[in-house]
Amino acid sequence: MKIKIYVSISGGCYREAKNVPTGHEIEVIDWDNLLSEDDSVEEWNQFDAEAKQFIKNNYPKEHELIRQRIQARTRIKN
């Protein structure tokens, strides 16, 4: 199992990570997409359970906004 390094970005571009140690992987949290009205569901669904739990534990306010947006989008589709 690889160890994740979380990179949080907002309002910018993530280009690359150099010298990532063997056995590690980069997980990008793009707040512009996660908190957007249009892309939040798709962006959230790209994360695995570990990343979702990391966001919930470390960014509780943002997690609640994401949850609300996903819930609202689900209601609109149904």
C-alpha atoms as a PDB file:
ATOM      1  CA  MET A   1       0.000   0.000   0.000  1.00  0.00           C
ATOM      2  CA  LYS A   2       1.336   3.402  -0.943  1.00  0.00           C
ATOM      3  CA  ILE A   3       1.565   6.308   1.470  1.00  0.00           C
ATOM      4  CA  LYS A   4      -0.340   9.341   0.215  1.00  0.00           C
ATOM      5  CA  ILE A   5       0.978  12.879   0.201  1.00  0.00           C
ATOM      6  CA  TYR A   6      -1.967  15.280   0.011  1.00  0.00           C
ATOM      7  CA  VAL A   7      -1.558  18.505  -1.946  1.00  0.00           C
ATOM      8  CA  SER A   8      -4.240  21.137  -1.416  1.00  0.00           C
ATOM      9  CA  ILE A   9      -4.622  23.765  -4.139  1.00  0.00           C
ATOM     10  CA  SER A  10      -7.006  26.650  -4.680  1.00  0.00           C
ATOM     11  CA  GLY A  11      -6.848  29.251  -7.403  1.00  0.00           C
ATOM     12  CA  GLY A  12      -3.771  27.839  -9.051  1.00  0.00           C
ATOM     13  CA  CYS A  13      -2.309  25.068 -11.106  1.00  0.00           C
ATOM     14  CA  TYR A  14      -0.648  21.935  -9.861  1.00  0.00           C
ATOM     15  CA  ARG A  15       2.057  21.070 -12.310  1.00  0.00           C
ATOM     16  CA  GLU A  16       4.109  18.248 -10.884  1.00  0.00           C
ATOM     17  CA  ALA A  17       5.813  16.811  -7.845  1.00  0.00           C
ATOM     18  CA  LYS A  18       9.473  15.909  -7.985  1.00  0.00           C
ATOM     19  CA  ASN A  19      11.458  13.605  -5.749  1.00  0.00           C
ATOM     20  CA  VAL A  20       8.413  11.772  -4.430  1.00  0.00           C
ATOM     21  CA  PRO A  21       9.829   8.951  -2.308  1.00  0.00           C
ATOM     22  CA  THR A  22       9.358   5.386  -3.489  1.00  0.00           C
ATOM     23  CA  GLY A  23       6.156   3.935  -2.099  1.00  0.00           C
ATOM     24  CA  HIS A  24       4.416   7.315  -1.936  1.00  0.00           C
ATOM     25  CA  GLU A  25       1.798   8.845  -4.197  1.00  0.00           C
ATOM     26  CA  ILE A  26       0.422  12.345  -4.641  1.00  0.00           C
ATOM     27  CA  GLU A  27      -3.294  13.012  -4.066  1.00  0.00           C
ATOM     28  CA  VAL A  28      -4.367  16.467  -5.273  1.00  0.00           C
ATOM     29  CA  ILE A  29      -7.273  18.194  -3.540  1.00  0.00           C
ATOM     30  CA  ASP A  30      -8.470  20.858  -5.974  1.00  0.00           C
ATOM     31  CA  TRP A  31     -10.768  23.110  -3.963  1.00  0.00           C
ATOM     32  CA  ASP A  32     -11.873  25.114  -7.004  1.00  0.00           C
ATOM     33  CA  ASN A  33     -13.470  21.967  -8.444  1.00  0.00           C
ATOM     34  CA  LEU A  34     -14.591  20.420  -5.159  1.00  0.00           C
ATOM     35  CA  LEU A  35     -16.450  23.534  -4.061  1.00  0.00           C
ATOM     36  CA  SER A  36     -17.877  24.494  -7.450  1.00  0.00           C
ATOM     37  CA  GLU A  37     -21.589  24.237  -8.113  1.00  0.00           C
ATOM     38  CA  ASP A  38     -21.003  22.189 -11.257  1.00  0.00           C
ATOM     39  CA  ASP A  39     -18.018  19.916 -10.598  1.00  0.00           C
ATOM     40  CA  SER A  40     -18.270  18.933  -6.935  1.00  0.00           C
ATOM     41  CA  VAL A  41     -19.927  15.539  -7.470  1.00  0.00           C
ATOM     42  CA  GLU A  42     -17.526  14.427 -10.190  1.00  0.00           C
ATOM     43  CA  GLU A  43     -14.488  15.707  -8.301  1.00  0.00           C
ATOM     44  CA  TRP A  44     -15.600  14.050  -5.037  1.00  0.00           C
ATOM     45  CA  ASN A  45     -16.215  10.720  -6.777  1.00  0.00           C
ATOM     46  CA  GLN A  46     -12.622  10.548  -7.989  1.00  0.00           C
ATOM     47  CA  PHE A  47     -11.374  10.112  -4.414  1.00  0.00           C
ATOM     48  CA  ASP A  48     -11.093   6.751  -2.691  1.00  0.00           C
ATOM     49  CA  ALA A  49     -12.432   6.157   0.833  1.00  0.00           C
ATOM     50  CA  GLU A  50      -9.098   7.053   2.447  1.00  0.00           C
ATOM     51  CA  ALA A  51      -8.914  10.445   0.726  1.00  0.00           C
ATOM     52  CA  LYS A  52     -12.560  11.218   1.541  1.00  0.00           C
ATOM     53  CA  GLN A  53     -11.909  10.447   5.202  1.00  0.00           C
ATOM     54  CA  PHE A  54      -8.785  12.648   5.140  1.00  0.00           C
ATOM     55  CA  ILE A  55     -10.824  15.570   3.793  1.00  0.00           C
ATOM     56  CA  LYS A  56     -13.613  14.986   6.318  1.00  0.00           C
ATOM     57  CA  ASN A  57     -11.145  14.876   9.239  1.00  0.00           C
ATOM     58  CA  ASN A  58      -8.911  17.754   8.186  1.00  0.00           C
ATOM     59  CA  TYR A  59     -11.305  20.091   6.390  1.00  0.00           C
ATOM     60  CA  PRO A  60     -14.671  19.709   8.190  1.00  0.00           C
ATOM     61  CA  LYS A  61     -16.197  22.997   6.967  1.00  0.00           C
ATOM     62  CA  GLU A  62     -15.313  22.295   3.364  1.00  0.00           C
ATOM     63  CA  HIS A  63     -16.491  18.699   3.725  1.00  0.00           C
ATOM     64  CA  GLU A  64     -19.895  19.923   4.870  1.00  0.00           C
ATOM     65  CA  LEU A  65     -20.159  22.245   1.839  1.00  0.00           C
ATOM     66  CA  ILE A  66     -19.260  19.366  -0.469  1.00  0.00           C
ATOM     67  CA  ARG A  67     -21.834  17.123   1.213  1.00  0.00           C
ATOM     68  CA  GLN A  68     -24.529  19.785   0.791  1.00  0.00           C
ATOM     69  CA  ARG A  69     -23.700  20.315  -2.883  1.00  0.00           C
ATOM     70  CA  ILE A  70     -23.761  16.604  -3.596  1.00  0.00           C
ATOM     71  CA  GLN A  71     -27.069  16.256  -1.780  1.00  0.00           C
ATOM     72  CA  ALA A  72     -28.548  19.182  -3.737  1.00  0.00           C
ATOM     73  CA  ARG A  73     -27.347  17.757  -7.081  1.00  0.00           C
ATOM     74  CA  THR A  74     -28.831  14.366  -6.211  1.00  0.00           C
ATOM     75  CA  ARG A  75     -32.206  15.967  -5.485  1.00  0.00           C
ATOM     76  CA  ILE A  76     -32.150  17.828  -8.795  1.00  0.00           C
ATOM     77  CA  LYS A  77     -31.487  14.618 -10.791  1.00  0.00           C
ATOM     78  CA  ASN A  78     -34.265  12.690  -9.038  1.00  0.00           C
END
